[in-house]
Amino acid sequence: MTAVSRAFCEIPGRRGRVIGVLPGEEGTARSKSGYPNPWVEIPIYTHLLHSGKRGEEMLSRNHINVLSSDVVIALPGSAGTSSEVALAVSYERPVVCFLESRDEIPGLPDGVDVRGDLEGIAKFVRSVLSAAD
């Protein structure tokens, strides 16, 4: 997410802010070490500890990430990405994956839309957002 945050911040004339939903550190009121990354402009501190393989559990910030999104766009990743995609499907949130191969996200649920080009991703997002208007 650091790379995504940085890339978004570097867009000239961009609209919007980088929001980071931060995981908590077990047994404390602090966020985990290394959070937020330097490009997060609006940090949302949580007590939510779990991520990765435990990303679908109730104490995961992934629920907030998915439920507060108009569209979920997944990039190649591991267990945390897989859990966010699974939550998007479970919560019936629009989700598309920007991948060359379905294998780039382990355990990717059947039926999740995969596109290998930015225009395909943009088309998906435009269709979802125009349907919401």
Protein backbone atom coordinates (compact mmCIF):
# COMPACT_ATOMS: atom_id res chain seq x y z
CA MET A 1 0.00 0.00 0.00
CA THR A 2 2.97 2.30 0.40
CA ALA A 3 3.58 2.21 -3.35
CA VAL A 4 -0.08 2.97 -4.09
CA SER A 5 -0.14 5.84 -1.58
CA ARG A 6 3.03 7.33 -3.00
CA ALA A 7 1.89 7.00 -6.61
CA PHE A 8 -1.42 8.69 -5.84
CA CYS A 9 0.30 11.56 -3.99
CA GLU A 10 2.54 12.17 -6.99
CA ILE A 11 -0.33 12.71 -9.44
CA PRO A 12 -0.34 16.39 -10.48
CA GLY A 13 -3.65 18.10 -9.74
CA ARG A 14 -5.07 15.00 -8.10
CA ARG A 15 -8.47 15.02 -6.43
CA GLY A 16 -8.79 13.27 -3.12
CA ARG A 17 -6.58 12.32 -0.20
CA VAL A 18 -4.70 9.23 0.88
CA ILE A 19 -6.57 7.59 3.74
CA GLY A 20 -4.89 4.86 5.77
CA VAL A 21 -6.85 2.52 8.03
CA LEU A 22 -4.12 1.52 10.46
CA PRO A 23 -3.81 -1.76 12.33
CA GLY A 24 -3.42 -1.64 16.09
CA GLU A 25 -0.57 -3.13 18.04
CA GLU A 26 -1.68 -5.90 20.36
CA GLY A 27 -2.10 -4.81 23.96
CA THR A 28 -1.57 -1.10 23.28
CA ALA A 29 -3.40 1.95 21.99
CA ARG A 30 -0.70 2.51 19.33
CA SER A 31 -0.60 1.57 15.68
CA LYS A 32 1.79 -1.14 14.54
CA SER A 33 5.39 -0.15 13.92
CA GLY A 34 5.88 1.34 10.46
CA TYR A 35 2.36 2.76 10.19
CA PRO A 36 1.27 5.06 8.69
CA ASN A 37 3.48 5.28 5.63
CA PRO A 38 4.80 8.80 4.84
CA TRP A 39 2.13 9.45 2.16
CA VAL A 40 -0.94 8.82 4.31
CA GLU A 41 -2.67 12.17 4.72
CA ILE A 42 -5.62 11.02 6.82
CA PRO A 43 -4.69 8.23 9.24
CA ILE A 44 -7.54 6.31 10.85
CA TYR A 45 -6.20 4.63 13.97
CA THR A 46 -7.87 1.39 15.00
CA HIS A 47 -7.58 -1.33 17.60
CA LEU A 48 -7.92 -3.93 14.83
CA LEU A 49 -4.96 -6.31 14.89
CA HIS A 50 -5.44 -8.92 12.22
CA SER A 51 -4.35 -8.96 8.60
CA GLY A 52 -2.87 -11.39 6.11
CA LYS A 53 -4.23 -14.90 6.62
CA ARG A 54 -6.46 -13.54 9.38
CA GLY A 55 -7.80 -10.71 7.20
CA GLU A 56 -11.38 -12.02 7.15
CA GLU A 57 -11.64 -12.24 10.95
CA MET A 58 -13.73 -9.68 12.82
CA LEU A 59 -10.64 -7.99 14.31
CA SER A 60 -9.25 -7.15 10.85
CA ARG A 61 -9.21 -3.64 9.39
CA ASN A 62 -9.97 -5.22 6.01
CA HIS A 63 -13.68 -4.94 6.82
CA ILE A 64 -13.35 -1.14 7.02
CA ASN A 65 -11.25 -1.00 3.85
CA VAL A 66 -13.86 -2.94 1.87
CA LEU A 67 -17.04 -1.48 3.36
CA SER A 68 -15.87 2.12 2.92
CA SER A 69 -14.98 1.61 -0.77
CA ASP A 70 -17.17 2.37 -3.77
CA VAL A 71 -15.07 -0.05 -5.82
CA VAL A 72 -12.36 -2.47 -4.72
CA ILE A 73 -9.40 -2.78 -7.11
CA ALA A 74 -7.05 -5.60 -6.18
CA LEU A 75 -3.43 -5.73 -7.33
CA PRO A 76 -1.13 -8.77 -7.14
CA GLY A 77 -0.72 -9.79 -3.53
CA SER A 78 -0.82 -12.52 -0.96
CA ALA A 79 -3.14 -13.61 1.84
CA GLY A 80 -4.16 -10.07 2.85
CA THR A 81 -5.20 -9.20 -0.69
CA SER A 82 -7.03 -12.50 -1.01
CA SER A 83 -8.96 -11.82 2.19
CA GLU A 84 -9.96 -8.33 1.01
CA VAL A 85 -11.25 -9.75 -2.28
CA ALA A 86 -13.18 -12.45 -0.40
CA LEU A 87 -14.72 -9.79 1.87
CA ALA A 88 -15.67 -7.66 -1.15
CA VAL A 89 -17.49 -10.66 -2.62
CA SER A 90 -19.11 -11.45 0.73
CA TYR A 91 -20.26 -7.84 1.24
CA GLU A 92 -21.34 -7.60 -2.42
CA ARG A 93 -18.98 -4.72 -3.14
CA PRO A 94 -17.88 -4.21 -6.76
CA VAL A 95 -14.41 -5.77 -7.15
CA VAL A 96 -12.01 -6.05 -10.07
CA CYS A 97 -8.46 -7.39 -10.12
CA PHE A 98 -5.66 -5.78 -12.13
CA LEU A 99 -3.68 -8.93 -12.92
CA GLU A 100 -1.95 -10.70 -15.76
CA SER A 101 -2.99 -14.05 -14.28
CA ARG A 102 -5.48 -15.19 -11.62
CA ASP A 103 -2.51 -16.91 -9.92
CA GLU A 104 -1.19 -13.52 -8.79
CA ILE A 105 -3.70 -13.58 -5.90
CA PRO A 106 -3.77 -16.98 -4.16
CA GLY A 107 -7.27 -18.35 -3.57
CA LEU A 108 -8.96 -15.76 -5.77
CA PRO A 109 -12.70 -16.56 -5.65
CA ASP A 110 -14.32 -17.81 -8.84
CA GLY A 111 -16.27 -15.19 -10.73
CA VAL A 112 -14.14 -12.23 -9.67
CA ASP A 113 -13.47 -10.01 -12.69
CA VAL A 114 -9.82 -9.95 -13.78
CA ARG A 115 -8.50 -7.36 -16.23
CA GLY A 116 -4.95 -7.04 -17.49
CA ASP A 117 -5.07 -3.50 -18.85
CA LEU A 118 -5.67 -0.10 -17.27
CA GLU A 119 -8.39 0.77 -19.78
CA GLY A 120 -10.30 -2.34 -18.71
CA ILE A 121 -9.99 -1.32 -15.06
CA ALA A 122 -11.09 2.24 -15.87
CA LYS A 123 -14.09 0.94 -17.83
CA PHE A 124 -15.12 -1.27 -14.89
CA VAL A 125 -14.83 1.62 -12.42
CA ARG A 126 -16.73 4.04 -14.68
CA SER A 127 -19.55 1.53 -15.13
CA VAL A 128 -19.85 0.93 -11.37
CA LEU A 129 -19.76 4.63 -10.51
CA SER A 130 -22.22 5.64 -13.24
CA ALA A 131 -24.64 2.95 -12.08
CA ALA A 132 -24.45 4.42 -8.54
CA ASP A 133 -25.54 7.90 -9.72
